[in-house]
């Protein structure tokens, strides 16, 4: 019963958001695309995402080394 209610809730939310988000044209995106500024936005977003990915890899390596040191002590 709970699984069915969860499924129905998911379908309802998906239906509501798809109708809200489905727009024919976005004026700001069209303007930025025509001016060539959309590429700047995409480049900045790619740089930020790459920075976050590099930071997460760095943290993973650091945490792994700390876990190895803890295992060696015990």
PDB file of N, CA and C in Angstrom:
ATOM      1  N   UNK A   1       0.831  -1.197   0.000  1.00  0.00           N
ATOM      2  CA  UNK A   1       0.000   0.000   0.000  1.00  0.00           C
ATOM      3  C   UNK A   1       0.870   1.254   0.000  1.00  0.00           C
ATOM      4  N   UNK A   2       1.899   1.258   0.832  1.00  0.00           N
ATOM      5  CA  UNK A   2       2.775   2.422   0.903  1.00  0.00           C
ATOM      6  C   UNK A   2       3.526   2.594  -0.409  1.00  0.00           C
ATOM      7  N   UNK A   3       3.913   1.489  -1.020  1.00  0.00           N
ATOM      8  CA  UNK A   3       4.624   1.545  -2.287  1.00  0.00           C
ATOM      9  C   UNK A   3       3.734   2.175  -3.365  1.00  0.00           C
ATOM     10  N   UNK A   4       2.457   1.825  -3.371  1.00  0.00           N
ATOM     11  CA  UNK A   4       1.541   2.400  -4.355  1.00  0.00           C
ATOM     12  C   UNK A   4       1.353   3.894  -4.133  1.00  0.00           C
ATOM     13  N   UNK A   5       1.237   4.295  -2.863  1.00  0.00           N
ATOM     14  CA  UNK A   5       1.078   5.714  -2.560  1.00  0.00           C
ATOM     15  C   UNK A   5       2.326   6.500  -2.949  1.00  0.00           C
ATOM     16  N   UNK A   6       3.476   5.922  -2.706  1.00  0.00           N
ATOM     17  CA  UNK A   6       4.721   6.575  -3.085  1.00  0.00           C
ATOM     18  C   UNK A   6       4.808   6.722  -4.592  1.00  0.00           C
ATOM     19  N   UNK A   7       4.431   5.679  -5.308  1.00  0.00           N
ATOM     20  CA  UNK A   7       4.439   5.726  -6.766  1.00  0.00           C
ATOM     21  C   UNK A   7       3.480   6.796  -7.282  1.00  0.00           C
ATOM     22  N   UNK A   8       2.280   6.848  -6.727  1.00  0.00           N
ATOM     23  CA  UNK A   8       1.300   7.852  -7.153  1.00  0.00           C
ATOM     24  C   UNK A   8       1.779   9.269  -6.858  1.00  0.00           C
ATOM     25  N   UNK A   9       2.398   9.466  -5.702  1.00  0.00           N
ATOM     26  CA  UNK A   9       2.938  10.771  -5.341  1.00  0.00           C
ATOM     27  C   UNK A   9       4.045  11.175  -6.314  1.00  0.00           C
ATOM     28  N   UNK A  10       4.904  10.229  -6.654  1.00  0.00           N
ATOM     29  CA  UNK A  10       5.979  10.500  -7.602  1.00  0.00           C
ATOM     30  C   UNK A  10       5.411  10.890  -8.968  1.00  0.00           C
ATOM     31  N   UNK A  11       4.430  10.161  -9.438  1.00  0.00           N
ATOM     32  CA  UNK A  11       3.825  10.460 -10.737  1.00  0.00           C
ATOM     33  C   UNK A  11       3.142  11.822 -10.697  1.00  0.00           C
ATOM     34  N   UNK A  12       2.475  12.142  -9.609  1.00  0.00           N
ATOM     35  CA  UNK A  12       1.809  13.442  -9.467  1.00  0.00           C
ATOM     36  C   UNK A  12       2.824  14.579  -9.498  1.00  0.00           C
ATOM     37  N   UNK A  13       3.911  14.442  -8.739  1.00  0.00           N
ATOM     38  CA  UNK A  13       4.939  15.482  -8.697  1.00  0.00           C
ATOM     39  C   UNK A  13       5.599  15.622 -10.062  1.00  0.00           C
ATOM     40  N   UNK A  14       5.877  14.513 -10.709  1.00  0.00           N
ATOM     41  CA  UNK A  14       6.488  14.555 -12.035  1.00  0.00           C
ATOM     42  C   UNK A  14       5.564  15.245 -13.032  1.00  0.00           C
ATOM     43  N   UNK A  15       4.281  14.960 -12.970  1.00  0.00           N
ATOM     44  CA  UNK A  15       3.323  15.593 -13.871  1.00  0.00           C
ATOM     45  C   UNK A  15       3.212  17.086 -13.634  1.00  0.00           C
ATOM     46  N   UNK A  16       3.220  17.497 -12.376  1.00  0.00           N
ATOM     47  CA  UNK A  16       3.125  18.920 -12.058  1.00  0.00           C
ATOM     48  C   UNK A  16       4.367  19.677 -12.498  1.00  0.00           C
ATOM     49  N   UNK A  17       5.537  19.128 -12.226  1.00  0.00           N
ATOM     50  CA  UNK A  17       6.757  19.845 -12.569  1.00  0.00           C
ATOM     51  C   UNK A  17       6.993  19.885 -14.069  1.00  0.00           C
ATOM     52  N   UNK A  18       6.597  18.840 -14.769  1.00  0.00           N
ATOM     53  CA  UNK A  18       6.822  18.869 -16.217  1.00  0.00           C
ATOM     54  C   UNK A  18       5.950  19.919 -16.892  1.00  0.00           C
ATOM     55  N   UNK A  19       4.755  20.134 -16.395  1.00  0.00           N
ATOM     56  CA  UNK A  19       3.903  21.155 -17.001  1.00  0.00           C
ATOM     57  C   UNK A  19       4.382  22.554 -16.643  1.00  0.00           C
ATOM     58  N   UNK A  20       4.975  22.706 -15.481  1.00  0.00           N
ATOM     59  CA  UNK A  20       5.489  24.017 -15.083  1.00  0.00           C
ATOM     60  C   UNK A  20       6.770  24.341 -15.833  1.00  0.00           C
ATOM     61  N   UNK A  21       7.649  23.356 -15.962  1.00  0.00           N
ATOM     62  CA  UNK A  21       8.950  23.595 -16.572  1.00  0.00           C
ATOM     63  C   UNK A  21       8.939  23.580 -18.092  1.00  0.00           C
ATOM     64  N   UNK A  22       7.887  23.072 -18.689  1.00  0.00           N
ATOM     65  CA  UNK A  22       7.835  22.969 -20.144  1.00  0.00           C
ATOM     66  C   UNK A  22       7.371  24.294 -20.734  1.00  0.00           C
ATOM     67  N   UNK A  23       8.329  25.111 -21.120  1.00  0.00           N
ATOM     68  CA  UNK A  23       8.027  26.388 -21.741  1.00  0.00           C
ATOM     69  C   UNK A  23       8.526  26.348 -23.173  1.00  0.00           C
ATOM     70  N   UNK A  24       7.834  27.038 -24.032  1.00  0.00           N
ATOM     71  CA  UNK A  24       8.226  27.042 -25.442  1.00  0.00           C
ATOM     72  C   UNK A  24       9.543  27.771 -25.660  1.00  0.00           C
ATOM     73  N   UNK A  25       9.628  28.995 -25.181  1.00  0.00           N
ATOM     74  CA  UNK A  25      10.852  29.772 -25.353  1.00  0.00           C
ATOM     75  C   UNK A  25      11.201  30.457 -24.045  1.00  0.00           C
ATOM     76  N   UNK A  26      12.486  30.625 -23.852  1.00  0.00           N
ATOM     77  CA  UNK A  26      12.975  31.375 -22.696  1.00  0.00           C
ATOM     78  C   UNK A  26      13.675  32.598 -23.262  1.00  0.00           C
ATOM     79  N   UNK A  27      13.114  33.747 -22.992  1.00  0.00           N
ATOM     80  CA  UNK A  27      13.587  34.974 -23.610  1.00  0.00           C
ATOM     81  C   UNK A  27      15.028  35.287 -23.205  1.00  0.00           C
ATOM     82  N   UNK A  28      15.374  35.078 -21.928  1.00  0.00           N
ATOM     83  CA  UNK A  28      16.721  35.386 -21.482  1.00  0.00           C
ATOM     84  C   UNK A  28      17.749  34.505 -22.185  1.00  0.00           C
ATOM     85  N   UNK A  29      17.446  33.221 -22.333  1.00  0.00           N
ATOM     86  CA  UNK A  29      18.374  32.314 -23.005  1.00  0.00           C
ATOM     87  C   UNK A  29      18.527  32.672 -24.469  1.00  0.00           C
ATOM     88  N   UNK A  30      17.440  33.054 -25.119  1.00  0.00           N
ATOM     89  CA  UNK A  30      17.518  33.458 -26.525  1.00  0.00           C
ATOM     90  C   UNK A  30      18.369  34.714 -26.690  1.00  0.00           C
ATOM     91  N   UNK A  31      18.200  35.658 -25.773  1.00  0.00           N
ATOM     92  CA  UNK A  31      18.978  36.897 -25.830  1.00  0.00           C
ATOM     93  C   UNK A  31      20.457  36.610 -25.620  1.00  0.00           C
ATOM     94  N   UNK A  32      20.765  35.786 -24.617  1.00  0.00           N
ATOM     95  CA  UNK A  32      22.167  35.468 -24.338  1.00  0.00           C
ATOM     96  C   UNK A  32      22.784  34.667 -25.479  1.00  0.00           C
ATOM     97  N   UNK A  33      22.009  33.794 -26.085  1.00  0.00           N
ATOM     98  CA  UNK A  33      22.506  33.004 -27.206  1.00  0.00           C
ATOM     99  C   UNK A  33      22.791  33.898 -28.404  1.00  0.00           C
ATOM    100  N   UNK A  34      21.932  34.863 -28.653  1.00  0.00           N
ATOM    101  CA  UNK A  34      22.137  35.746 -29.804  1.00  0.00           C
ATOM    102  C   UNK A  34      23.329  36.672 -29.593  1.00  0.00           C
ATOM    103  N   UNK A  35      23.605  37.044 -28.355  1.00  0.00           N
ATOM    104  CA  UNK A  35      24.748  37.908 -28.057  1.00  0.00           C
ATOM    105  C   UNK A  35      26.045  37.122 -27.901  1.00  0.00           C
ATOM    106  N   UNK A  36      25.954  35.804 -27.808  1.00  0.00           N
ATOM    107  CA  UNK A  36      27.145  34.980 -27.625  1.00  0.00           C
ATOM    108  C   UNK A  36      27.572  34.851 -26.178  1.00  0.00           C
ATOM    109  N   UNK A  37      26.787  35.377 -25.258  1.00  0.00           N
ATOM    110  CA  UNK A  37      27.152  35.318 -23.842  1.00  0.00           C
ATOM    111  C   UNK A  37      26.837  33.969 -23.213  1.00  0.00           C
ATOM    112  N   UNK A  38      26.034  33.159 -23.865  1.00  0.00           N
ATOM    113  CA  UNK A  38      25.681  31.867 -23.299  1.00  0.00           C
ATOM    114  C   UNK A  38      26.917  30.991 -23.165  1.00  0.00           C
ATOM    115  N   UNK A  39      27.880  31.186 -24.076  1.00  0.00           N
ATOM    116  CA  UNK A  39      29.108  30.402 -24.014  1.00  0.00           C
ATOM    117  C   UNK A  39      29.938  30.774 -22.791  1.00  0.00           C
ATOM    118  N   UNK A  40      29.880  32.023 -22.389  1.00  0.00           N
ATOM    119  CA  UNK A  40      30.569  32.454 -21.174  1.00  0.00           C
ATOM    120  C   UNK A  40      29.928  31.793 -19.961  1.00  0.00           C
ATOM    121  N   UNK A  41      28.614  31.753 -19.936  1.00  0.00           N
ATOM    122  CA  UNK A  41      27.905  31.123 -18.819  1.00  0.00           C
ATOM    123  C   UNK A  41      28.238  29.642 -18.757  1.00  0.00           C
ATOM    124  N   UNK A  42      28.238  28.977 -19.892  1.00  0.00           N
ATOM    125  CA  UNK A  42      28.559  27.546 -19.926  1.00  0.00           C
ATOM    126  C   UNK A  42      29.999  27.316 -19.493  1.00  0.00           C
ATOM    127  N   UNK A  43      30.914  28.174 -19.933  1.00  0.00           N
ATOM    128  CA  UNK A  43      32.323  28.024 -19.551  1.00  0.00           C
ATOM    129  C   UNK A  43      32.514  28.207 -18.053  1.00  0.00           C
ATOM    130  N   UNK A  44      31.870  29.205 -17.482  1.00  0.00           N
ATOM    131  CA  UNK A  44      31.989  29.439 -16.039  1.00  0.00           C
ATOM    132  C   UNK A  44      31.399  28.271 -15.259  1.00  0.00           C
ATOM    133  N   UNK A  45      30.254  27.775 -15.702  1.00  0.00           N
ATOM    134  CA  UNK A  45      29.641  26.627 -15.028  1.00  0.00           C
ATOM    135  C   UNK A  45      30.544  25.404 -15.127  1.00  0.00           C
ATOM    136  N   UNK A  46      31.175  25.192 -16.274  1.00  0.00           N
ATOM    137  CA  UNK A  46      32.081  24.052 -16.437  1.00  0.00           C
ATOM    138  C   UNK A  46      33.304  24.195 -15.540  1.00  0.00           C
ATOM    139  N   UNK A  47      33.835  25.396 -15.415  1.00  0.00           N
ATOM    140  CA  UNK A  47      34.991  25.625 -14.548  1.00  0.00           C
ATOM    141  C   UNK A  47      34.627  25.369 -13.092  1.00  0.00           C
ATOM    142  N   UNK A  48      33.470  25.842 -12.669  1.00  0.00           N
ATOM    143  CA  UNK A  48      33.031  25.629 -11.287  1.00  0.00           C
ATOM    144  C   UNK A  48      32.833  24.139 -11.008  1.00  0.00           C
ATOM    145  N   UNK A  49      32.182  23.435 -11.927  1.00  0.00           N
ATOM    146  CA  UNK A  49      31.957  21.996 -11.737  1.00  0.00           C
ATOM    147  C   UNK A  49      33.275  21.234 -11.723  1.00  0.00           C
ATOM    148  N   UNK A  50      34.215  21.620 -12.575  1.00  0.00           N
ATOM    149  CA  UNK A  50      35.530  20.979 -12.583  1.00  0.00           C
ATOM    150  C   UNK A  50      36.253  21.228 -11.272  1.00  0.00           C
ATOM    151  N   UNK A  51      36.165  22.437 -10.754  1.00  0.00           N
ATOM    152  CA  UNK A  51      36.778  22.752  -9.467  1.00  0.00           C
ATOM    153  C   UNK A  51      36.189  21.929  -8.337  1.00  0.00           C
ATOM    154  N   UNK A  52      34.886  21.776  -8.345  1.00  0.00           N
ATOM    155  CA  UNK A  52      34.235  20.959  -7.316  1.00  0.00           C
ATOM    156  C   UNK A  52      34.673  19.508  -7.434  1.00  0.00           C
ATOM    157  N   UNK A  53      34.752  18.991  -8.645  1.00  0.00           N
ATOM    158  CA  UNK A  53      35.182  17.607  -8.863  1.00  0.00           C
ATOM    159  C   UNK A  53      36.612  17.396  -8.389  1.00  0.00           C
ATOM    160  N   UNK A  54      37.518  18.315  -8.722  1.00  0.00           N
ATOM    161  CA  UNK A  54      38.916  18.207  -8.286  1.00  0.00           C
ATOM    162  C   UNK A  54      38.997  18.243  -6.762  1.00  0.00           C
ATOM    163  N   UNK A  55      38.233  19.116  -6.146  1.00  0.00           N
ATOM    164  CA  UNK A  55      38.229  19.213  -4.682  1.00  0.00           C
ATOM    165  C   UNK A  55      37.720  17.925  -4.045  1.00  0.00           C
ATOM    166  N   UNK A  56      36.673  17.324  -4.617  1.00  0.00           N
ATOM    167  CA  UNK A  56      36.150  16.074  -4.073  1.00  0.00           C
ATOM    168  C   UNK A  56      37.155  14.937  -4.214  1.00  0.00           C
ATOM    169  N   UNK A  57      37.867  14.881  -5.326  1.00  0.00           N
ATOM    170  CA  UNK A  57      38.902  13.855  -5.498  1.00  0.00           C
ATOM    171  C   UNK A  57      40.010  14.065  -4.480  1.00  0.00           C
ATOM    172  N   UNK A  58      40.408  15.303  -4.263  1.00  0.00           N
ATOM    173  CA  UNK A  58      41.427  15.626  -3.265  1.00  0.00           C
ATOM    174  C   UNK A  58      40.987  15.185  -1.874  1.00  0.00           C
ATOM    175  N   UNK A  59      39.745  15.493  -1.517  1.00  0.00           N
ATOM    176  CA  UNK A  59      39.232  15.090  -0.212  1.00  0.00           C
ATOM    177  C   UNK A  59      39.169  13.577  -0.072  1.00  0.00           C
ATOM    178  N   UNK A  60      38.777  12.892  -1.131  1.00  0.00           N
ATOM    179  CA  UNK A  60      38.694  11.435  -1.095  1.00  0.00           C
ATOM    180  C   UNK A  60      40.058  10.829  -0.832  1.00  0.00           C
ATOM    181  N   UNK A  61      41.081  11.315  -1.520  1.00  0.00           N
ATOM    182  CA  UNK A  61      42.435  10.801  -1.307  1.00  0.00           C
ATOM    183  C   UNK A  61      42.920  11.086   0.098  1.00  0.00           C
ATOM    184  N   UNK A  62      42.631  12.264   0.587  1.00  0.00           N
ATOM    185  CA  UNK A  62      43.070  12.639   1.934  1.00  0.00           C
ATOM    186  C   UNK A  62      42.374  11.772   2.993  1.00  0.00           C
ATOM    187  N   UNK A  63      41.088  11.572   2.829  1.00  0.00           N
ATOM    188  CA  UNK A  63      40.337  10.742   3.779  1.00  0.00           C
ATOM    189  C   UNK A  63      40.805   9.299   3.710  1.00  0.00           C
ATOM    190  N   UNK A  64      41.104   8.811   2.510  1.00  0.00           N
ATOM    191  CA  UNK A  64      41.593   7.439   2.365  1.00  0.00           C
ATOM    192  C   UNK A  64      42.929   7.261   3.076  1.00  0.00           C
ATOM    193  N   UNK A  65      43.805   8.243   2.960  1.00  0.00           N
ATOM    194  CA  UNK A  65      45.099   8.128   3.640  1.00  0.00           C
ATOM    195  C   UNK A  65      44.930   8.167   5.155  1.00  0.00           C
ATOM    196  N   UNK A  66      44.011   8.970   5.636  1.00  0.00           N
ATOM    197  CA  UNK A  66      43.752   9.022   7.084  1.00  0.00           C
ATOM    198  C   UNK A  66      43.171   7.698   7.562  1.00  0.00           C
ATOM    199  N   UNK A  67      42.258   7.102   6.772  1.00  0.00           N
ATOM    200  CA  UNK A  67      41.698   5.800   7.141  1.00  0.00           C
ATOM    201  C   UNK A  67      42.773   4.729   7.188  1.00  0.00           C
ATOM    202  N   UNK A  68      43.714   4.759   6.251  1.00  0.00           N
ATOM    203  CA  UNK A  68      44.814   3.782   6.266  1.00  0.00           C
ATOM    204  C   UNK A  68      45.674   3.941   7.505  1.00  0.00           C
ATOM    205  N   UNK A  69      45.954   5.188   7.889  1.00  0.00           N
ATOM    206  CA  UNK A  69      46.746   5.424   9.092  1.00  0.00           C
ATOM    207  C   UNK A  69      46.027   4.918  10.331  1.00  0.00           C
ATOM    208  N   UNK A  70      44.710   5.094  10.384  1.00  0.00           N
ATOM    209  CA  UNK A  70      43.940   4.611  11.537  1.00  0.00           C
ATOM    210  C   UNK A  70      43.950   3.101  11.582  1.00  0.00           C
ATOM    211  N   UNK A  71      43.828   2.436  10.420  1.00  0.00           N
ATOM    212  CA  UNK A  71      43.857   0.976  10.380  1.00  0.00           C
ATOM    213  C   UNK A  71      45.211   0.434  10.820  1.00  0.00           C
ATOM    214  N   UNK A  72      46.283   1.119  10.467  1.00  0.00           N
ATOM    215  CA  UNK A  72      47.602   0.657  10.840  1.00  0.00           C
ATOM    216  C   UNK A  72      47.843   0.770  12.335  1.00  0.00           C
ATOM    217  N   UNK A  73      47.236   1.746  12.984  1.00  0.00           N
ATOM    218  CA  UNK A  73      47.404   1.928  14.427  1.00  0.00           C
ATOM    219  C   UNK A  73      46.662   0.852  15.209  1.00  0.00           C
ATOM    220  N   UNK A  74      45.573   0.328  14.695  1.00  0.00           N
ATOM    221  CA  UNK A  74      44.801  -0.664  15.449  1.00  0.00           C
ATOM    222  C   UNK A  74      45.242  -2.060  15.172  1.00  0.00           C
TER     223      UNK A  74
END
